[in-house]
C-alpha atoms as a PDB file:
ATOM      1  CA  UNK A   1      41.341 -73.582  40.060  1.00  0.00           C
ATOM      2  CA  UNK A   2      40.101 -73.643  43.532  1.00  0.00           C
ATOM      3  CA  UNK A   3      39.672 -77.359  43.345  1.00  0.00           C
ATOM      4  CA  UNK A   4      42.800 -78.035  42.536  1.00  0.00           C
ATOM      5  CA  UNK A   5      44.747 -75.698  44.870  1.00  0.00           C
ATOM      6  CA  UNK A   6      44.429 -75.119  48.722  1.00  0.00           C
ATOM      7  CA  UNK A   7      43.818 -71.759  49.946  1.00  0.00           C
ATOM      8  CA  UNK A   8      46.670 -71.184  51.341  1.00  0.00           C
ATOM      9  CA  UNK A   9      48.780 -71.804  47.923  1.00  0.00           C
ATOM     10  CA  UNK A  10      46.581 -69.218  46.330  1.00  0.00           C
ATOM     11  CA  UNK A  11      47.165 -66.918  49.216  1.00  0.00           C
ATOM     12  CA  UNK A  12      51.251 -67.434  48.702  1.00  0.00           C
ATOM     13  CA  UNK A  13      50.822 -67.119  45.045  1.00  0.00           C
ATOM     14  CA  UNK A  14      48.815 -64.129  44.696  1.00  0.00           C
ATOM     15  CA  UNK A  15      50.824 -62.586  47.523  1.00  0.00           C
ATOM     16  CA  UNK A  16      53.658 -62.795  45.675  1.00  0.00           C
ATOM     17  CA  UNK A  17      52.085 -60.717  43.023  1.00  0.00           C
ATOM     18  CA  UNK A  18      51.069 -57.947  45.186  1.00  0.00           C
ATOM     19  CA  UNK A  19      54.991 -57.326  46.043  1.00  0.00           C
ATOM     20  CA  UNK A  20      55.890 -57.838  42.275  1.00  0.00           C
ATOM     21  CA  UNK A  21      55.046 -54.441  40.845  1.00  0.00           C
ATOM     22  CA  UNK A  22      56.517 -52.439  43.776  1.00  0.00           C
ATOM     23  CA  UNK A  23      59.735 -54.502  43.449  1.00  0.00           C
ATOM     24  CA  UNK A  24      60.149 -54.648  40.049  1.00  0.00           C
ATOM     25  CA  UNK A  25      59.777 -51.011  40.018  1.00  0.00           C
ATOM     26  CA  UNK A  26      62.347 -50.166  42.651  1.00  0.00           C
ATOM     27  CA  UNK A  27      64.791 -52.425  40.945  1.00  0.00           C
ATOM     28  CA  UNK A  28      64.248 -50.720  37.632  1.00  0.00           C
ATOM     29  CA  UNK A  29      64.783 -47.427  39.373  1.00  0.00           C
ATOM     30  CA  UNK A  30      67.849 -48.621  41.613  1.00  0.00           C
ATOM     31  CA  UNK A  31      69.745 -49.589  38.613  1.00  0.00           C
ATOM     32  CA  UNK A  32      69.157 -46.856  36.499  1.00  0.00           C
ATOM     33  CA  UNK A  33      70.131 -44.134  39.379  1.00  0.00           C
ATOM     34  CA  UNK A  34      73.372 -46.470  39.585  1.00  0.00           C
ATOM     35  CA  UNK A  35      73.858 -46.310  36.081  1.00  0.00           C
ATOM     36  CA  UNK A  36      73.558 -42.653  36.421  1.00  0.00           C
ATOM     37  CA  UNK A  37      76.089 -42.026  38.652  1.00  0.00           C
ATOM     38  CA  UNK A  38      78.514 -44.437  36.731  1.00  0.00           C
ATOM     39  CA  UNK A  39      78.161 -43.012  33.532  1.00  0.00           C
ATOM     40  CA  UNK A  40      77.344 -38.828  35.093  1.00  0.00           C
ATOM     41  CA  UNK A  41      73.631 -38.868  32.987  1.00  0.00           C
ATOM     42  CA  UNK A  42      70.741 -37.852  34.875  1.00  0.00           C
ATOM     43  CA  UNK A  43      68.036 -39.758  32.632  1.00  0.00           C
ATOM     44  CA  UNK A  44      68.854 -43.300  32.706  1.00  0.00           C
ATOM     45  CA  UNK A  45      66.897 -43.803  36.323  1.00  0.00           C
ATOM     46  CA  UNK A  46      63.513 -42.780  34.458  1.00  0.00           C
ATOM     47  CA  UNK A  47      64.298 -45.126  31.635  1.00  0.00           C
ATOM     48  CA  UNK A  48      65.012 -48.186  33.848  1.00  0.00           C
ATOM     49  CA  UNK A  49      61.948 -47.143  35.942  1.00  0.00           C
ATOM     50  CA  UNK A  50      59.588 -47.366  32.991  1.00  0.00           C
ATOM     51  CA  UNK A  51      61.251 -50.597  31.935  1.00  0.00           C
ATOM     52  CA  UNK A  52      60.766 -51.879  35.694  1.00  0.00           C
ATOM     53  CA  UNK A  53      56.985 -50.753  35.639  1.00  0.00           C
ATOM     54  CA  UNK A  54      56.560 -52.834  32.269  1.00  0.00           C
ATOM     55  CA  UNK A  55      58.156 -55.559  33.477  1.00  0.00           C
ATOM     56  CA  UNK A  56      56.356 -55.904  36.380  1.00  0.00           C
ATOM     57  CA  UNK A  57      52.936 -55.395  34.679  1.00  0.00           C
ATOM     58  CA  UNK A  58      54.044 -58.213  31.749  1.00  0.00           C
ATOM     59  CA  UNK A  59      54.624 -60.613  34.510  1.00  0.00           C
ATOM     60  CA  UNK A  60      51.436 -59.798  36.361  1.00  0.00           C
ATOM     61  CA  UNK A  61      49.389 -59.999  33.118  1.00  0.00           C
ATOM     62  CA  UNK A  62      51.383 -63.556  32.291  1.00  0.00           C
ATOM     63  CA  UNK A  63      50.509 -65.074  35.723  1.00  0.00           C
ATOM     64  CA  UNK A  64      46.813 -63.821  35.670  1.00  0.00           C
ATOM     65  CA  UNK A  65      46.465 -65.251  32.225  1.00  0.00           C
ATOM     66  CA  UNK A  66      47.821 -68.541  32.767  1.00  0.00           C
ATOM     67  CA  UNK A  67      45.598 -68.700  36.253  1.00  0.00           C
ATOM     68  CA  UNK A  68      42.511 -68.078  33.888  1.00  0.00           C
ATOM     69  CA  UNK A  69      43.248 -70.695  31.564  1.00  0.00           C
ATOM     70  CA  UNK A  70      44.279 -73.234  34.244  1.00  0.00           C
ATOM     71  CA  UNK A  71      40.545 -72.488  35.495  1.00  0.00           C
ATOM     72  CA  UNK A  72      38.991 -73.057  32.157  1.00  0.00           C
ATOM     73  CA  UNK A  73      40.411 -76.762  31.947  1.00  0.00           C
END
């Protein structure tokens, strides 16, 4: 893969991954918090926080798997 892409393209791709997990975690928490206030509950923030974490990890694994498959070719 390093022969196909420049160093700066790889830095851009992986720095985006560095922000992916915290951003998806925050987005899940914020959405759950807003729904908690809308529906007068106190558990949705935790459910959506876990969904955000799971979504971030899924995208991280997908991207890394795709990069490993590209490297093998």
